[in-house]
Amino acid sequence: MARRSPARSRIGVRLLLAVLGLLLLVGGLATCGTPAPAPRSAGTDPTTGRLSDTAADTAIRAGAPTSALAALADVPVKGRAPRTGYQ
């Protein structure tokens, strides 16, 4: 029985590692998929994704007292924004 040279052994190990790495990569990519779209609530506009006024009011009222929605409820609405000159 002839002994293998160290160079041939290293080539075999490198080839084996390359094949295993490729299999892991392909297996990992096979499990990837496009994420499922987020469910739309009944009060959203399908084209923009924005809440309607009534849905926004409901969400603000239902929010916890220490939430950002509760803080948003305290912000007064004073008509239109000032003109900035940007177009």
N, C-alpha and C. Protein backbone atom coordinates (compact mmCIF):
# COMPACT_ATOMS: atom_id res chain seq x y z
N MET A 1 0.84 -1.16 0.00
CA MET A 1 0.00 0.00 0.00
C MET A 1 0.90 1.24 0.00
N ALA A 2 0.64 2.12 -0.92
CA ALA A 2 1.46 3.33 -1.03
C ALA A 2 0.89 4.42 -0.12
N ARG A 3 1.80 5.15 0.45
CA ARG A 3 1.37 6.26 1.31
C ARG A 3 1.11 7.50 0.48
N ARG A 4 0.14 8.25 0.88
CA ARG A 4 -0.16 9.52 0.19
C ARG A 4 0.84 10.57 0.61
N SER A 5 1.11 11.45 -0.32
CA SER A 5 2.00 12.55 0.02
C SER A 5 1.22 13.58 0.83
N PRO A 6 1.89 14.35 1.68
CA PRO A 6 1.18 15.36 2.48
C PRO A 6 0.44 16.39 1.63
N ALA A 7 0.96 16.70 0.45
CA ALA A 7 0.31 17.69 -0.40
C ALA A 7 -1.03 17.16 -0.90
N ARG A 8 -1.10 15.88 -1.26
CA ARG A 8 -2.36 15.30 -1.73
C ARG A 8 -3.37 15.22 -0.59
N SER A 9 -2.91 14.95 0.63
CA SER A 9 -3.81 14.90 1.78
C SER A 9 -4.41 16.28 2.04
N ARG A 10 -3.59 17.31 1.94
CA ARG A 10 -4.09 18.67 2.17
C ARG A 10 -5.11 19.07 1.11
N ILE A 11 -4.87 18.65 -0.12
CA ILE A 11 -5.82 18.97 -1.20
C ILE A 11 -7.15 18.27 -0.91
N GLY A 12 -7.10 17.03 -0.46
CA GLY A 12 -8.32 16.30 -0.14
C GLY A 12 -9.09 16.94 1.00
N VAL A 13 -8.37 17.38 2.02
CA VAL A 13 -9.02 18.04 3.16
C VAL A 13 -9.64 19.36 2.73
N ARG A 14 -8.91 20.11 1.92
CA ARG A 14 -9.45 21.40 1.44
C ARG A 14 -10.69 21.19 0.58
N LEU A 15 -10.65 20.16 -0.27
CA LEU A 15 -11.80 19.87 -1.11
C LEU A 15 -13.00 19.46 -0.26
N LEU A 16 -12.76 18.63 0.73
CA LEU A 16 -13.83 18.22 1.63
C LEU A 16 -14.43 19.41 2.37
N LEU A 17 -13.57 20.31 2.88
CA LEU A 17 -14.07 21.50 3.57
C LEU A 17 -14.83 22.42 2.63
N ALA A 18 -14.38 22.54 1.39
CA ALA A 18 -15.08 23.38 0.42
C ALA A 18 -16.46 22.82 0.11
N VAL A 19 -16.55 21.50 -0.05
CA VAL A 19 -17.85 20.87 -0.34
C VAL A 19 -18.79 21.03 0.85
N LEU A 20 -18.27 20.80 2.06
CA LEU A 20 -19.11 20.98 3.25
C LEU A 20 -19.59 22.42 3.40
N GLY A 21 -18.70 23.37 3.15
CA GLY A 21 -19.08 24.78 3.22
C GLY A 21 -20.15 25.13 2.20
N LEU A 22 -20.00 24.58 0.99
CA LEU A 22 -21.00 24.83 -0.05
C LEU A 22 -22.34 24.23 0.33
N LEU A 23 -22.33 23.02 0.89
CA LEU A 23 -23.58 22.41 1.33
C LEU A 23 -24.25 23.21 2.44
N LEU A 24 -23.46 23.72 3.37
CA LEU A 24 -24.04 24.55 4.43
C LEU A 24 -24.64 25.83 3.87
N LEU A 25 -23.95 26.43 2.92
CA LEU A 25 -24.45 27.67 2.31
C LEU A 25 -25.75 27.42 1.56
N VAL A 26 -25.77 26.37 0.76
CA VAL A 26 -26.98 26.06 -0.01
C VAL A 26 -28.12 25.69 0.93
N GLY A 27 -27.83 24.93 1.97
CA GLY A 27 -28.86 24.57 2.94
C GLY A 27 -29.40 25.79 3.67
N GLY A 28 -28.53 26.73 3.99
CA GLY A 28 -28.97 27.96 4.66
C GLY A 28 -29.82 28.82 3.76
N LEU A 29 -29.45 28.88 2.48
CA LEU A 29 -30.23 29.68 1.54
C LEU A 29 -31.57 29.04 1.24
N ALA A 30 -31.63 27.72 1.32
CA ALA A 30 -32.89 27.04 1.03
C ALA A 30 -33.93 27.33 2.11
N THR A 31 -33.48 27.58 3.33
CA THR A 31 -34.43 27.87 4.40
C THR A 31 -34.85 29.33 4.41
N CYS A 32 -34.13 30.18 3.69
CA CYS A 32 -34.50 31.59 3.62
C CYS A 32 -35.70 31.74 2.70
N GLY A 33 -36.55 32.64 3.04
CA GLY A 33 -37.70 32.92 2.19
C GLY A 33 -38.06 34.38 2.34
N THR A 34 -38.96 34.79 1.54
CA THR A 34 -39.43 36.16 1.68
C THR A 34 -40.33 36.22 2.90
N PRO A 35 -40.17 37.23 3.72
CA PRO A 35 -41.02 37.32 4.91
C PRO A 35 -42.47 37.55 4.52
N ALA A 36 -43.33 37.04 5.35
CA ALA A 36 -44.76 37.23 5.12
C ALA A 36 -45.11 38.70 5.32
N PRO A 37 -45.96 39.25 4.50
CA PRO A 37 -46.33 40.66 4.67
C PRO A 37 -47.07 40.85 5.99
N ALA A 38 -46.86 42.01 6.57
CA ALA A 38 -47.52 42.32 7.83
C ALA A 38 -49.03 42.41 7.60
N PRO A 39 -49.80 41.89 8.52
CA PRO A 39 -51.25 41.96 8.33
C PRO A 39 -51.75 43.39 8.40
N ARG A 40 -52.63 43.72 7.52
CA ARG A 40 -53.19 45.07 7.50
C ARG A 40 -54.36 45.16 8.46
N SER A 41 -54.41 46.24 9.18
CA SER A 41 -55.55 46.42 10.06
C SER A 41 -56.70 47.02 9.25
N ALA A 42 -57.88 46.95 9.79
CA ALA A 42 -59.06 47.39 9.06
C ALA A 42 -59.06 48.90 8.84
N GLY A 43 -58.34 49.64 9.68
CA GLY A 43 -58.38 51.09 9.56
C GLY A 43 -57.25 51.69 8.75
N THR A 44 -56.54 50.89 7.93
CA THR A 44 -55.43 51.43 7.16
C THR A 44 -55.81 51.61 5.70
N ASP A 45 -55.19 52.60 5.10
CA ASP A 45 -55.36 52.83 3.67
C ASP A 45 -54.45 51.84 2.94
N PRO A 46 -54.99 51.01 2.03
CA PRO A 46 -54.16 49.99 1.39
C PRO A 46 -53.05 50.55 0.51
N THR A 47 -53.19 51.77 0.01
CA THR A 47 -52.16 52.32 -0.87
C THR A 47 -51.02 52.96 -0.09
N THR A 48 -51.33 53.60 1.05
CA THR A 48 -50.28 54.29 1.81
C THR A 48 -49.91 53.58 3.10
N GLY A 49 -50.81 52.75 3.63
CA GLY A 49 -50.54 52.07 4.90
C GLY A 49 -50.81 52.95 6.11
N ARG A 50 -51.33 54.14 5.90
CA ARG A 50 -51.61 55.05 7.00
C ARG A 50 -52.94 54.72 7.67
N LEU A 51 -53.01 55.04 8.96
CA LEU A 51 -54.26 54.83 9.69
C LEU A 51 -55.27 55.91 9.33
N SER A 52 -56.53 55.53 9.33
CA SER A 52 -57.57 56.53 9.15
C SER A 52 -57.68 57.34 10.44
N ASP A 53 -58.40 58.45 10.39
CA ASP A 53 -58.54 59.30 11.58
C ASP A 53 -59.19 58.56 12.73
N THR A 54 -60.24 57.81 12.45
CA THR A 54 -60.92 57.09 13.53
C THR A 54 -60.05 55.97 14.09
N ALA A 55 -59.30 55.29 13.22
CA ALA A 55 -58.41 54.22 13.69
C ALA A 55 -57.28 54.80 14.53
N ALA A 56 -56.78 55.96 14.15
CA ALA A 56 -55.72 56.61 14.92
C ALA A 56 -56.24 57.05 16.29
N ASP A 57 -57.43 57.63 16.32
CA ASP A 57 -58.03 58.03 17.60
C ASP A 57 -58.25 56.84 18.51
N THR A 58 -58.70 55.73 17.95
CA THR A 58 -58.92 54.51 18.73
C THR A 58 -57.61 53.99 19.28
N ALA A 59 -56.55 53.99 18.47
CA ALA A 59 -55.25 53.51 18.92
C ALA A 59 -54.68 54.39 20.02
N ILE A 60 -54.87 55.70 19.91
CA ILE A 60 -54.38 56.63 20.93
C ILE A 60 -55.12 56.42 22.24
N ARG A 61 -56.43 56.26 22.17
CA ARG A 61 -57.21 56.04 23.40
C ARG A 61 -56.89 54.70 24.05
N ALA A 62 -56.58 53.69 23.25
CA ALA A 62 -56.31 52.35 23.77
C ALA A 62 -54.89 52.19 24.30
N GLY A 63 -54.02 53.14 24.03
CA GLY A 63 -52.62 53.04 24.44
C GLY A 63 -52.45 53.17 25.95
N ALA A 64 -51.36 52.62 26.45
CA ALA A 64 -51.05 52.72 27.88
C ALA A 64 -50.76 54.18 28.24
N PRO A 65 -51.05 54.59 29.49
CA PRO A 65 -50.84 56.00 29.86
C PRO A 65 -49.40 56.46 29.75
N THR A 66 -48.44 55.56 29.83
CA THR A 66 -47.03 55.95 29.74
C THR A 66 -46.45 55.73 28.36
N SER A 67 -47.29 55.46 27.37
CA SER A 67 -46.79 55.17 26.02
C SER A 67 -46.62 56.45 25.21
N ALA A 68 -45.98 56.29 24.07
CA ALA A 68 -45.80 57.42 23.16
C ALA A 68 -47.14 57.87 22.60
N LEU A 69 -48.07 56.94 22.44
CA LEU A 69 -49.40 57.33 21.95
C LEU A 69 -50.12 58.23 22.94
N ALA A 70 -49.94 57.97 24.24
CA ALA A 70 -50.56 58.84 25.24
C ALA A 70 -49.94 60.23 25.18
N ALA A 71 -48.64 60.30 24.98
CA ALA A 71 -47.98 61.60 24.84
C ALA A 71 -48.46 62.31 23.58
N LEU A 72 -48.69 61.54 22.52
CA LEU A 72 -49.19 62.12 21.28
C LEU A 72 -50.58 62.72 21.46
N ALA A 73 -51.38 62.10 22.31
CA ALA A 73 -52.73 62.61 22.56
C ALA A 73 -52.69 63.99 23.22
N ASP A 74 -51.61 64.29 23.96
CA ASP A 74 -51.50 65.59 24.62
C ASP A 74 -51.01 66.71 23.71
N VAL A 75 -50.54 66.39 22.52
CA VAL A 75 -50.02 67.40 21.60
C VAL A 75 -51.21 68.10 20.93
N PRO A 76 -51.29 69.43 21.08
CA PRO A 76 -52.41 70.15 20.46
C PRO A 76 -52.23 70.24 18.94
N VAL A 77 -53.34 70.14 18.23
CA VAL A 77 -53.33 70.28 16.78
C VAL A 77 -53.77 71.70 16.48
N LYS A 78 -52.91 72.46 15.76
CA LYS A 78 -53.18 73.87 15.53
C LYS A 78 -53.27 74.22 14.05
N GLY A 79 -53.92 73.42 13.27
CA GLY A 79 -54.09 73.77 11.86
C GLY A 79 -52.91 73.37 11.01
N ARG A 80 -52.66 74.14 9.96
CA ARG A 80 -51.62 73.80 9.00
C ARG A 80 -50.24 74.15 9.50
N ALA A 81 -49.27 73.49 8.94
CA ALA A 81 -47.87 73.79 9.26
C ALA A 81 -47.48 75.08 8.54
N PRO A 82 -46.51 75.82 9.09
CA PRO A 82 -46.09 77.05 8.43
C PRO A 82 -45.40 76.73 7.10
N ARG A 83 -45.45 77.70 6.22
CA ARG A 83 -44.78 77.51 4.93
C ARG A 83 -43.28 77.73 5.12
N THR A 84 -42.51 76.79 4.57
CA THR A 84 -41.06 76.86 4.74
C THR A 84 -40.36 77.36 3.50
N GLY A 85 -41.03 77.37 2.38
CA GLY A 85 -40.41 77.79 1.15
C GLY A 85 -39.84 76.64 0.36
N TYR A 86 -39.81 75.46 0.96
CA TYR A 86 -39.33 74.29 0.22
C TYR A 86 -40.44 73.76 -0.67
N GLN A 87 -40.03 73.24 -1.82
CA GLN A 87 -41.04 72.70 -2.73
C GLN A 87 -40.75 71.29 -3.09
